[in-house]
Amino acid sequence: MKVLLADDDKQLCQLLNAALRQHGWEVILAFDAAQALVMAKNGTPDVIVLDINMPGGTGIGALEKLSMNMKTSMIPILILSGSQDPIIEDKAKALGAVGYIHKPVDIEELNQYLQKIIKGEYRRC
């Protein structure tokens, strides 16, 4: 299964990339919101893990655009963010995010979440 991981923290991306690959995931990396939009449209990921605070547009803005695009609107999106603001979390879920994981990330929690998404236990609205 293919996951698009979009986060501007390159060190975190490399760590998560290695860990997810050990769990059998094919990982596509994006380091800003604009790059994430292009890769989501062209890379056909099974799930997107999206940070909220990135250059090139916010994760919320990317989530809105992905939700409105016919090609990406059904891809499940999991938010991974350091923001503890419940308003942002609520907005992300209202825009169709299937879940919200707070940083620092627990790789086992992330992998379990991704497995449940692929099994259809979490779906975009």
N, C-alpha and C. Protein backbone atom coordinates (compact mmCIF):
# COMPACT_ATOMS: atom_id res chain seq x y z
N MET A 1 0.84 -1.18 0.00
CA MET A 1 0.00 0.00 0.00
C MET A 1 0.88 1.24 0.00
N LYS A 2 0.37 2.27 -0.62
CA LYS A 2 1.16 3.48 -0.82
C LYS A 2 0.63 4.62 0.06
N VAL A 3 1.54 5.23 0.81
CA VAL A 3 1.19 6.36 1.66
C VAL A 3 1.99 7.59 1.23
N LEU A 4 1.30 8.70 1.09
CA LEU A 4 1.95 9.99 0.84
C LEU A 4 2.13 10.65 2.19
N LEU A 5 3.38 10.92 2.55
CA LEU A 5 3.72 11.56 3.81
C LEU A 5 4.15 12.98 3.51
N ALA A 6 3.38 13.96 3.98
CA ALA A 6 3.67 15.37 3.71
C ALA A 6 3.96 16.10 5.01
N ASP A 7 5.22 16.50 5.17
CA ASP A 7 5.65 17.21 6.37
C ASP A 7 6.92 17.96 6.02
N ASP A 8 7.05 19.19 6.50
CA ASP A 8 8.24 19.99 6.18
C ASP A 8 9.45 19.63 7.04
N ASP A 9 9.27 18.81 8.05
CA ASP A 9 10.38 18.35 8.89
C ASP A 9 11.04 17.16 8.20
N LYS A 10 12.12 17.43 7.47
CA LYS A 10 12.76 16.39 6.67
C LYS A 10 13.32 15.25 7.52
N GLN A 11 13.81 15.58 8.70
CA GLN A 11 14.34 14.54 9.59
C GLN A 11 13.22 13.60 10.03
N LEU A 12 12.08 14.17 10.39
CA LEU A 12 10.93 13.35 10.78
C LEU A 12 10.47 12.50 9.60
N CYS A 13 10.42 13.10 8.42
CA CYS A 13 10.01 12.35 7.22
C CYS A 13 10.92 11.15 6.98
N GLN A 14 12.21 11.35 7.12
CA GLN A 14 13.14 10.24 6.89
C GLN A 14 12.96 9.14 7.94
N LEU A 15 12.74 9.54 9.18
CA LEU A 15 12.51 8.57 10.25
C LEU A 15 11.22 7.78 9.99
N LEU A 16 10.14 8.49 9.68
CA LEU A 16 8.86 7.82 9.43
C LEU A 16 8.92 6.99 8.15
N ASN A 17 9.61 7.49 7.15
CA ASN A 17 9.77 6.75 5.90
C ASN A 17 10.41 5.39 6.18
N ALA A 18 11.51 5.38 6.90
CA ALA A 18 12.21 4.13 7.22
C ALA A 18 11.32 3.20 8.03
N ALA A 19 10.65 3.75 9.03
CA ALA A 19 9.81 2.92 9.91
C ALA A 19 8.60 2.35 9.15
N LEU A 20 7.95 3.17 8.32
CA LEU A 20 6.79 2.70 7.57
C LEU A 20 7.19 1.65 6.53
N ARG A 21 8.34 1.84 5.93
CA ARG A 21 8.82 0.85 4.95
C ARG A 21 9.07 -0.50 5.63
N GLN A 22 9.54 -0.48 6.87
CA GLN A 22 9.73 -1.73 7.61
C GLN A 22 8.40 -2.44 7.86
N HIS A 23 7.32 -1.66 7.89
CA HIS A 23 5.98 -2.24 8.07
C HIS A 23 5.33 -2.59 6.74
N GLY A 24 6.09 -2.44 5.64
CA GLY A 24 5.58 -2.85 4.34
C GLY A 24 4.93 -1.76 3.51
N TRP A 25 4.98 -0.53 3.96
CA TRP A 25 4.39 0.58 3.22
C TRP A 25 5.33 1.09 2.14
N GLU A 26 4.78 1.46 1.00
CA GLU A 26 5.52 2.23 -0.01
C GLU A 26 5.27 3.69 0.35
N VAL A 27 6.32 4.48 0.50
CA VAL A 27 6.17 5.86 0.98
C VAL A 27 6.60 6.85 -0.10
N ILE A 28 5.76 7.86 -0.30
CA ILE A 28 6.07 9.00 -1.15
C ILE A 28 6.21 10.19 -0.21
N LEU A 29 7.29 10.97 -0.35
CA LEU A 29 7.52 12.11 0.54
C LEU A 29 7.25 13.43 -0.17
N ALA A 30 6.60 14.33 0.56
CA ALA A 30 6.41 15.71 0.12
C ALA A 30 6.80 16.59 1.30
N PHE A 31 7.44 17.73 0.99
CA PHE A 31 7.96 18.58 2.06
C PHE A 31 7.26 19.92 2.19
N ASP A 32 6.22 20.14 1.39
CA ASP A 32 5.37 21.33 1.55
C ASP A 32 3.99 21.01 0.99
N ALA A 33 3.05 21.91 1.25
CA ALA A 33 1.66 21.66 0.87
C ALA A 33 1.47 21.60 -0.64
N ALA A 34 2.15 22.48 -1.38
CA ALA A 34 2.01 22.49 -2.84
C ALA A 34 2.52 21.18 -3.44
N GLN A 35 3.65 20.72 -2.96
CA GLN A 35 4.22 19.46 -3.43
C GLN A 35 3.28 18.30 -3.08
N ALA A 36 2.66 18.35 -1.92
CA ALA A 36 1.73 17.30 -1.50
C ALA A 36 0.54 17.23 -2.45
N LEU A 37 0.02 18.39 -2.87
CA LEU A 37 -1.12 18.40 -3.80
C LEU A 37 -0.75 17.75 -5.12
N VAL A 38 0.39 18.10 -5.66
CA VAL A 38 0.84 17.53 -6.94
C VAL A 38 1.04 16.03 -6.81
N MET A 39 1.71 15.61 -5.75
CA MET A 39 1.99 14.19 -5.57
C MET A 39 0.72 13.38 -5.30
N ALA A 40 -0.24 13.98 -4.64
CA ALA A 40 -1.51 13.28 -4.40
C ALA A 40 -2.25 13.05 -5.71
N LYS A 41 -2.20 14.02 -6.60
CA LYS A 41 -2.89 13.89 -7.89
C LYS A 41 -2.15 12.94 -8.82
N ASN A 42 -0.83 12.94 -8.79
CA ASN A 42 -0.03 12.14 -9.73
C ASN A 42 0.42 10.80 -9.19
N GLY A 43 0.51 10.68 -7.87
CA GLY A 43 1.07 9.46 -7.28
C GLY A 43 0.05 8.45 -6.83
N THR A 44 -1.21 8.78 -6.90
CA THR A 44 -2.31 7.91 -6.48
C THR A 44 -2.03 7.12 -5.20
N PRO A 45 -1.82 7.83 -4.10
CA PRO A 45 -1.61 7.12 -2.82
C PRO A 45 -2.90 6.49 -2.31
N ASP A 46 -2.76 5.48 -1.50
CA ASP A 46 -3.92 4.85 -0.86
C ASP A 46 -4.37 5.65 0.36
N VAL A 47 -3.43 6.38 0.97
CA VAL A 47 -3.72 7.21 2.13
C VAL A 47 -2.70 8.35 2.16
N ILE A 48 -3.12 9.49 2.71
CA ILE A 48 -2.25 10.65 2.84
C ILE A 48 -2.10 10.98 4.32
N VAL A 49 -0.86 11.18 4.75
CA VAL A 49 -0.56 11.66 6.10
C VAL A 49 -0.07 13.09 5.92
N LEU A 50 -0.79 14.03 6.49
CA LEU A 50 -0.60 15.44 6.18
C LEU A 50 -0.35 16.25 7.45
N ASP A 51 0.75 17.01 7.44
CA ASP A 51 1.05 17.94 8.53
C ASP A 51 0.19 19.19 8.34
N ILE A 52 -0.08 19.90 9.41
CA ILE A 52 -0.87 21.13 9.34
C ILE A 52 -0.01 22.34 8.98
N ASN A 53 1.12 22.50 9.65
CA ASN A 53 1.95 23.69 9.44
C ASN A 53 3.12 23.37 8.51
N MET A 54 2.96 23.80 7.24
CA MET A 54 3.99 23.57 6.23
C MET A 54 4.11 24.82 5.37
N PRO A 55 5.26 24.98 4.74
CA PRO A 55 5.38 26.06 3.75
C PRO A 55 4.61 25.69 2.48
N GLY A 56 4.40 26.66 1.62
CA GLY A 56 3.70 26.39 0.36
C GLY A 56 2.22 26.22 0.55
N GLY A 57 1.67 26.74 1.63
CA GLY A 57 0.25 26.58 1.96
C GLY A 57 0.11 25.71 3.19
N THR A 58 -0.98 25.85 3.89
CA THR A 58 -1.18 25.09 5.12
C THR A 58 -1.74 23.70 4.82
N GLY A 59 -1.62 22.82 5.78
CA GLY A 59 -2.22 21.51 5.65
C GLY A 59 -3.74 21.59 5.55
N ILE A 60 -4.32 22.55 6.25
CA ILE A 60 -5.78 22.74 6.16
C ILE A 60 -6.16 23.15 4.74
N GLY A 61 -5.39 24.07 4.16
CA GLY A 61 -5.65 24.48 2.78
C GLY A 61 -5.49 23.32 1.81
N ALA A 62 -4.46 22.51 2.02
CA ALA A 62 -4.25 21.33 1.18
C ALA A 62 -5.40 20.34 1.35
N LEU A 63 -5.85 20.15 2.58
CA LEU A 63 -6.97 19.26 2.86
C LEU A 63 -8.22 19.73 2.12
N GLU A 64 -8.48 21.03 2.15
CA GLU A 64 -9.63 21.58 1.42
C GLU A 64 -9.53 21.30 -0.07
N LYS A 65 -8.37 21.55 -0.64
CA LYS A 65 -8.17 21.34 -2.08
C LYS A 65 -8.28 19.87 -2.45
N LEU A 66 -7.71 19.00 -1.64
CA LEU A 66 -7.80 17.56 -1.89
C LEU A 66 -9.24 17.08 -1.81
N SER A 67 -10.01 17.65 -0.89
CA SER A 67 -11.41 17.26 -0.72
C SER A 67 -12.27 17.67 -1.91
N MET A 68 -11.89 18.75 -2.57
CA MET A 68 -12.69 19.28 -3.68
C MET A 68 -12.27 18.73 -5.04
N ASN A 69 -11.14 18.03 -5.11
CA ASN A 69 -10.65 17.51 -6.38
C ASN A 69 -11.21 16.11 -6.62
N MET A 70 -11.79 15.90 -7.80
CA MET A 70 -12.40 14.61 -8.12
C MET A 70 -11.41 13.45 -8.00
N LYS A 71 -10.16 13.69 -8.36
CA LYS A 71 -9.16 12.62 -8.36
C LYS A 71 -8.69 12.25 -6.96
N THR A 72 -8.78 13.19 -6.02
CA THR A 72 -8.24 12.95 -4.68
C THR A 72 -9.29 12.96 -3.57
N SER A 73 -10.51 13.25 -3.90
CA SER A 73 -11.53 13.44 -2.86
C SER A 73 -11.84 12.20 -2.04
N MET A 74 -11.54 11.02 -2.56
CA MET A 74 -11.85 9.79 -1.82
C MET A 74 -10.62 9.19 -1.12
N ILE A 75 -9.47 9.84 -1.24
CA ILE A 75 -8.27 9.33 -0.57
C ILE A 75 -8.37 9.68 0.92
N PRO A 76 -8.28 8.70 1.81
CA PRO A 76 -8.31 9.01 3.25
C PRO A 76 -7.10 9.85 3.64
N ILE A 77 -7.36 10.87 4.46
CA ILE A 77 -6.30 11.76 4.92
C ILE A 77 -6.24 11.73 6.44
N LEU A 78 -5.05 11.43 6.94
CA LEU A 78 -4.77 11.41 8.36
C LEU A 78 -3.88 12.60 8.68
N ILE A 79 -4.29 13.42 9.62
CA ILE A 79 -3.50 14.59 10.01
C ILE A 79 -2.49 14.17 11.08
N LEU A 80 -1.25 14.62 10.89
CA LEU A 80 -0.17 14.40 11.84
C LEU A 80 0.39 15.77 12.15
N SER A 81 0.16 16.26 13.37
CA SER A 81 0.54 17.64 13.65
C SER A 81 0.97 17.84 15.10
N GLY A 82 1.82 18.84 15.27
CA GLY A 82 2.24 19.24 16.60
C GLY A 82 1.25 20.20 17.25
N SER A 83 0.26 20.66 16.49
CA SER A 83 -0.73 21.60 17.02
C SER A 83 -1.65 20.90 18.01
N GLN A 84 -1.82 21.50 19.16
CA GLN A 84 -2.73 20.97 20.17
C GLN A 84 -4.06 21.73 20.19
N ASP A 85 -4.25 22.61 19.20
CA ASP A 85 -5.44 23.46 19.12
C ASP A 85 -6.65 22.62 18.72
N PRO A 86 -7.64 22.45 19.61
CA PRO A 86 -8.80 21.63 19.28
C PRO A 86 -9.63 22.20 18.13
N ILE A 87 -9.56 23.51 17.92
CA ILE A 87 -10.29 24.12 16.81
C ILE A 87 -9.73 23.64 15.48
N ILE A 88 -8.41 23.56 15.37
CA ILE A 88 -7.78 23.07 14.14
C ILE A 88 -8.12 21.59 13.93
N GLU A 89 -8.08 20.83 15.00
CA GLU A 89 -8.42 19.41 14.90
C GLU A 89 -9.86 19.23 14.44
N ASP A 90 -10.78 20.00 15.00
CA ASP A 90 -12.18 19.93 14.61
C ASP A 90 -12.37 20.35 13.16
N LYS A 91 -11.66 21.40 12.73
CA LYS A 91 -11.77 21.86 11.35
C LYS A 91 -11.26 20.79 10.39
N ALA A 92 -10.14 20.16 10.72
CA ALA A 92 -9.59 19.10 9.87
C ALA A 92 -10.59 17.96 9.72
N LYS A 93 -11.20 17.56 10.80
CA LYS A 93 -12.18 16.48 10.74
C LYS A 93 -13.42 16.91 9.98
N ALA A 94 -13.84 18.16 10.14
CA ALA A 94 -15.00 18.67 9.39
C ALA A 94 -14.73 18.70 7.89
N LEU A 95 -13.47 18.88 7.52
CA LEU A 95 -13.09 18.90 6.11
C LEU A 95 -12.86 17.50 5.54
N GLY A 96 -13.02 16.48 6.37
CA GLY A 96 -12.95 15.12 5.87
C GLY A 96 -11.76 14.30 6.32
N ALA A 97 -10.90 14.84 7.17
CA ALA A 97 -9.79 14.04 7.67
C ALA A 97 -10.34 12.86 8.47
N VAL A 98 -9.75 11.70 8.30
CA VAL A 98 -10.24 10.51 8.99
C VAL A 98 -9.70 10.39 10.41
N GLY A 99 -8.70 11.19 10.74
CA GLY A 99 -8.14 11.15 12.07
C GLY A 99 -7.08 12.21 12.26
N TYR A 100 -6.61 12.33 13.48
CA TYR A 100 -5.66 13.37 13.86
C TYR A 100 -4.72 12.78 14.90
N ILE A 101 -3.45 12.68 14.56
CA ILE A 101 -2.45 12.17 15.48
C ILE A 101 -1.53 13.32 15.87
N HIS A 102 -1.30 13.46 17.17
CA HIS A 102 -0.44 14.53 17.68
C HIS A 102 1.02 14.11 17.68
N LYS A 103 1.89 15.06 17.35
CA LYS A 103 3.34 14.85 17.47
C LYS A 103 3.72 15.08 18.93
N PRO A 104 4.73 14.43 19.44
CA PRO A 104 5.59 13.49 18.74
C PRO A 104 4.82 12.20 18.43
N VAL A 105 5.10 11.67 17.26
CA VAL A 105 4.36 10.52 16.77
C VAL A 105 4.93 9.21 17.31
N ASP A 106 4.03 8.33 17.63
CA ASP A 106 4.38 6.96 18.00
C ASP A 106 4.22 6.14 16.72
N ILE A 107 5.29 5.57 16.20
CA ILE A 107 5.25 4.88 14.92
C ILE A 107 4.28 3.70 14.93
N GLU A 108 4.16 3.03 16.05
CA GLU A 108 3.22 1.91 16.12
C GLU A 108 1.78 2.41 16.04
N GLU A 109 1.51 3.53 16.71
CA GLU A 109 0.17 4.12 16.64
C GLU A 109 -0.14 4.53 15.20
N LEU A 110 0.82 5.16 14.54
CA LEU A 110 0.63 5.58 13.15
C LEU A 110 0.39 4.38 12.25
N ASN A 111 1.20 3.35 12.39
CA ASN A 111 1.02 2.15 11.57
C ASN A 111 -0.34 1.50 11.81
N GLN A 112 -0.76 1.42 13.07
CA GLN A 112 -2.07 0.83 13.37
C GLN A 112 -3.20 1.65 12.77
N TYR A 113 -3.07 2.97 12.84
CA TYR A 113 -4.07 3.86 12.25
C TYR A 113 -4.14 3.62 10.74
N LEU A 114 -2.97 3.55 10.09
CA LEU A 114 -2.92 3.33 8.64
C LEU A 114 -3.54 1.98 8.28
N GLN A 115 -3.25 0.96 9.06
CA GLN A 115 -3.82 -0.37 8.79
C GLN A 115 -5.35 -0.33 8.88
N LYS A 116 -5.87 0.37 9.88
CA LYS A 116 -7.33 0.48 10.03
C LYS A 116 -7.95 1.26 8.88
N ILE A 117 -7.26 2.29 8.41
CA ILE A 117 -7.75 3.07 7.28
C ILE A 117 -7.85 2.18 6.05
N ILE A 118 -6.81 1.41 5.78
CA ILE A 118 -6.79 0.54 4.62
C ILE A 118 -7.87 -0.54 4.72
N LYS A 119 -8.14 -1.01 5.92
CA LYS A 119 -9.18 -2.02 6.12
C LYS A 119 -10.59 -1.42 6.02
N GLY A 120 -10.67 -0.10 5.90
CA GLY A 120 -11.97 0.56 5.77
C GLY A 120 -12.63 0.92 7.07
N GLU A 121 -11.88 0.85 8.18
CA GLU A 121 -12.47 1.18 9.47
C GLU A 121 -12.63 2.69 9.65
N TYR A 122 -11.84 3.47 8.91
CA TYR A 122 -11.97 4.93 8.91
C TYR A 122 -12.15 5.34 7.47
N ARG A 123 -13.15 6.14 7.21
CA ARG A 123 -13.42 6.59 5.84
C ARG A 123 -13.64 8.09 5.82
N ARG A 124 -13.31 8.68 4.68
CA ARG A 124 -13.59 10.11 4.49
C ARG A 124 -15.07 10.31 4.32
N CYS A 125 -15.54 11.41 4.82
CA CYS A 125 -16.97 11.72 4.68
C CYS A 125 -17.26 12.22 3.28
